[in-house]
Amino acid sequence: MDLLSNFGDKFGMGTFFVFVIPFLTHKMSSFLLNVTYLSVTINCVLKIYWKLPRPYFYETSYIPTSCSFEYGNPSGHG
Protein backbone atom coordinates (compact mmCIF):
# COMPACT_ATOMS: atom_id res chain seq x y z
CA MET A 1 0.00 0.00 0.00
CA ASP A 2 2.91 2.32 0.67
CA LEU A 3 4.02 1.92 -2.94
CA LEU A 4 0.54 2.83 -4.23
CA SER A 5 0.38 5.77 -1.84
CA ASN A 6 3.74 7.07 -3.05
CA PHE A 7 2.64 6.68 -6.67
CA GLY A 8 -0.26 9.04 -5.99
CA ASP A 9 1.96 11.94 -4.95
CA LYS A 10 3.09 14.78 -7.18
CA PHE A 11 6.14 12.98 -8.51
CA GLY A 12 4.35 9.72 -9.17
CA MET A 13 1.59 11.44 -11.11
CA GLY A 14 4.15 13.51 -13.01
CA THR A 15 5.91 10.33 -14.06
CA PHE A 16 2.56 8.84 -15.06
CA PHE A 17 1.78 11.83 -17.26
CA VAL A 18 5.19 11.79 -18.93
CA PHE A 19 4.70 8.20 -20.04
CA VAL A 20 0.93 8.18 -20.77
CA ILE A 21 0.18 11.56 -22.37
CA PRO A 22 2.17 10.89 -25.57
CA PHE A 23 -0.03 7.86 -26.30
CA LEU A 24 -3.35 9.68 -25.94
CA THR A 25 -5.17 11.75 -28.54
CA HIS A 26 -4.72 15.51 -28.35
CA LYS A 27 -8.30 16.00 -27.12
CA MET A 28 -8.01 13.34 -24.41
CA SER A 29 -4.60 14.51 -23.18
CA SER A 30 -5.80 18.13 -23.00
CA PHE A 31 -8.86 17.06 -21.04
CA LEU A 32 -6.79 14.96 -18.63
CA LEU A 33 -4.28 17.74 -17.99
CA ASN A 34 -7.02 20.36 -17.51
CA VAL A 35 -8.88 18.17 -15.01
CA THR A 36 -5.63 17.57 -13.13
CA TYR A 37 -4.76 21.27 -13.00
CA LEU A 38 -8.27 22.15 -11.86
CA SER A 39 -8.33 19.52 -9.10
CA VAL A 40 -4.89 20.52 -7.80
CA THR A 41 -5.91 24.19 -7.78
CA ILE A 42 -9.15 23.47 -5.90
CA ASN A 43 -7.26 21.30 -3.41
CA CYS A 44 -4.66 24.03 -2.76
CA VAL A 45 -7.30 26.73 -2.34
CA LEU A 46 -9.29 24.58 0.11
CA LYS A 47 -6.15 23.79 2.12
CA ILE A 48 -5.39 27.50 2.43
CA TYR A 49 -9.02 28.31 3.29
CA TRP A 50 -9.48 25.69 6.04
CA LYS A 51 -5.90 25.62 7.38
CA LEU A 52 -6.30 22.18 8.96
CA PRO A 53 -3.15 21.04 10.76
CA ARG A 54 -1.77 17.62 10.02
CA PRO A 55 -2.30 15.09 12.85
CA TYR A 56 1.37 14.93 13.84
CA PHE A 57 1.40 18.69 14.48
CA TYR A 58 -0.81 18.29 17.56
CA GLU A 59 -0.75 14.56 18.42
CA THR A 60 2.64 13.28 19.53
CA SER A 61 1.68 9.60 19.29
CA TYR A 62 1.58 9.85 15.46
CA ILE A 63 4.96 9.20 13.88
CA PRO A 64 4.99 10.32 10.23
CA THR A 65 7.00 8.40 7.65
CA SER A 66 7.72 11.70 5.91
CA CYS A 67 7.14 15.20 7.15
CA SER A 68 5.13 17.67 5.11
CA PHE A 69 4.71 21.19 6.42
CA GLU A 70 1.74 22.10 4.24
CA TYR A 71 -1.79 22.10 5.63
CA GLY A 72 -3.81 18.90 5.88
CA ASN A 73 -6.22 17.69 3.25
CA PRO A 74 -9.69 19.25 2.98
CA SER A 75 -11.21 15.77 3.35
CA GLY A 76 -9.92 15.68 6.91
CA HIS A 77 -7.32 12.93 6.59
CA GLY A 78 -3.64 13.68 7.16
C-alpha atoms as a PDB file:
ATOM      1  CA  MET A   1       0.000   0.000   0.000  1.00  0.00           C
ATOM      2  CA  ASP A   2       2.905   2.316   0.674  1.00  0.00           C
ATOM      3  CA  LEU A   3       4.024   1.917  -2.941  1.00  0.00           C
ATOM      4  CA  LEU A   4       0.542   2.829  -4.225  1.00  0.00           C
ATOM      5  CA  SER A   5       0.380   5.775  -1.844  1.00  0.00           C
ATOM      6  CA  ASN A   6       3.743   7.066  -3.055  1.00  0.00           C
ATOM      7  CA  PHE A   7       2.644   6.685  -6.673  1.00  0.00           C
ATOM      8  CA  GLY A   8      -0.261   9.043  -5.991  1.00  0.00           C
ATOM      9  CA  ASP A   9       1.957  11.935  -4.945  1.00  0.00           C
ATOM     10  CA  LYS A  10       3.095  14.784  -7.179  1.00  0.00           C
ATOM     11  CA  PHE A  11       6.142  12.981  -8.511  1.00  0.00           C
ATOM     12  CA  GLY A  12       4.348   9.719  -9.167  1.00  0.00           C
ATOM     13  CA  MET A  13       1.588  11.436 -11.105  1.00  0.00           C
ATOM     14  CA  GLY A  14       4.155  13.508 -13.007  1.00  0.00           C
ATOM     15  CA  THR A  15       5.908  10.333 -14.064  1.00  0.00           C
ATOM     16  CA  PHE A  16       2.564   8.838 -15.063  1.00  0.00           C
ATOM     17  CA  PHE A  17       1.776  11.834 -17.264  1.00  0.00           C
ATOM     18  CA  VAL A  18       5.190  11.789 -18.928  1.00  0.00           C
ATOM     19  CA  PHE A  19       4.697   8.198 -20.039  1.00  0.00           C
ATOM     20  CA  VAL A  20       0.931   8.183 -20.766  1.00  0.00           C
ATOM     21  CA  ILE A  21       0.180  11.564 -22.373  1.00  0.00           C
ATOM     22  CA  PRO A  22       2.172  10.887 -25.574  1.00  0.00           C
ATOM     23  CA  PHE A  23      -0.025   7.857 -26.301  1.00  0.00           C
ATOM     24  CA  LEU A  24      -3.347   9.684 -25.939  1.00  0.00           C
ATOM     25  CA  THR A  25      -5.168  11.753 -28.536  1.00  0.00           C
ATOM     26  CA  HIS A  26      -4.722  15.508 -28.346  1.00  0.00           C
ATOM     27  CA  LYS A  27      -8.296  16.000 -27.123  1.00  0.00           C
ATOM     28  CA  MET A  28      -8.010  13.343 -24.410  1.00  0.00           C
ATOM     29  CA  SER A  29      -4.602  14.506 -23.183  1.00  0.00           C
ATOM     30  CA  SER A  30      -5.801  18.128 -23.001  1.00  0.00           C
ATOM     31  CA  PHE A  31      -8.863  17.062 -21.038  1.00  0.00           C
ATOM     32  CA  LEU A  32      -6.791  14.955 -18.630  1.00  0.00           C
ATOM     33  CA  LEU A  33      -4.282  17.736 -17.988  1.00  0.00           C
ATOM     34  CA  ASN A  34      -7.024  20.356 -17.510  1.00  0.00           C
ATOM     35  CA  VAL A  35      -8.879  18.171 -15.005  1.00  0.00           C
ATOM     36  CA  THR A  36      -5.627  17.567 -13.129  1.00  0.00           C
ATOM     37  CA  TYR A  37      -4.758  21.270 -13.005  1.00  0.00           C
ATOM     38  CA  LEU A  38      -8.274  22.146 -11.862  1.00  0.00           C
ATOM     39  CA  SER A  39      -8.332  19.521  -9.101  1.00  0.00           C
ATOM     40  CA  VAL A  40      -4.887  20.521  -7.802  1.00  0.00           C
ATOM     41  CA  THR A  41      -5.908  24.187  -7.785  1.00  0.00           C
ATOM     42  CA  ILE A  42      -9.148  23.473  -5.902  1.00  0.00           C
ATOM     43  CA  ASN A  43      -7.260  21.298  -3.409  1.00  0.00           C
ATOM     44  CA  CYS A  44      -4.662  24.032  -2.760  1.00  0.00           C
ATOM     45  CA  VAL A  45      -7.304  26.731  -2.345  1.00  0.00           C
ATOM     46  CA  LEU A  46      -9.288  24.579   0.110  1.00  0.00           C
ATOM     47  CA  LYS A  47      -6.148  23.792   2.117  1.00  0.00           C
ATOM     48  CA  ILE A  48      -5.393  27.502   2.427  1.00  0.00           C
ATOM     49  CA  TYR A  49      -9.018  28.310   3.289  1.00  0.00           C
ATOM     50  CA  TRP A  50      -9.476  25.685   6.039  1.00  0.00           C
ATOM     51  CA  LYS A  51      -5.896  25.622   7.381  1.00  0.00           C
ATOM     52  CA  LEU A  52      -6.298  22.177   8.962  1.00  0.00           C
ATOM     53  CA  PRO A  53      -3.154  21.044  10.758  1.00  0.00           C
ATOM     54  CA  ARG A  54      -1.772  17.620  10.015  1.00  0.00           C
ATOM     55  CA  PRO A  55      -2.303  15.094  12.849  1.00  0.00           C
ATOM     56  CA  TYR A  56       1.366  14.930  13.841  1.00  0.00           C
ATOM     57  CA  PHE A  57       1.397  18.690  14.484  1.00  0.00           C
ATOM     58  CA  TYR A  58      -0.810  18.291  17.560  1.00  0.00           C
ATOM     59  CA  GLU A  59      -0.752  14.557  18.420  1.00  0.00           C
ATOM     60  CA  THR A  60       2.635  13.281  19.528  1.00  0.00           C
ATOM     61  CA  SER A  61       1.677   9.598  19.286  1.00  0.00           C
ATOM     62  CA  TYR A  62       1.583   9.846  15.459  1.00  0.00           C
ATOM     63  CA  ILE A  63       4.957   9.200  13.876  1.00  0.00           C
ATOM     64  CA  PRO A  64       4.994  10.316  10.228  1.00  0.00           C
ATOM     65  CA  THR A  65       6.996   8.395   7.645  1.00  0.00           C
ATOM     66  CA  SER A  66       7.720  11.700   5.913  1.00  0.00           C
ATOM     67  CA  CYS A  67       7.142  15.203   7.151  1.00  0.00           C
ATOM     68  CA  SER A  68       5.126  17.668   5.106  1.00  0.00           C
ATOM     69  CA  PHE A  69       4.708  21.188   6.418  1.00  0.00           C
ATOM     70  CA  GLU A  70       1.735  22.096   4.239  1.00  0.00           C
ATOM     71  CA  TYR A  71      -1.794  22.099   5.631  1.00  0.00           C
ATOM     72  CA  GLY A  72      -3.806  18.900   5.881  1.00  0.00           C
ATOM     73  CA  ASN A  73      -6.222  17.688   3.252  1.00  0.00           C
ATOM     74  CA  PRO A  74      -9.695  19.253   2.976  1.00  0.00           C
ATOM     75  CA  SER A  75     -11.210  15.771   3.349  1.00  0.00           C
ATOM     76  CA  GLY A  76      -9.922  15.676   6.909  1.00  0.00           C
ATOM     77  CA  HIS A  77      -7.323  12.928   6.588  1.00  0.00           C
ATOM     78  CA  GLY A  78      -3.642  13.679   7.158  1.00  0.00           C
END
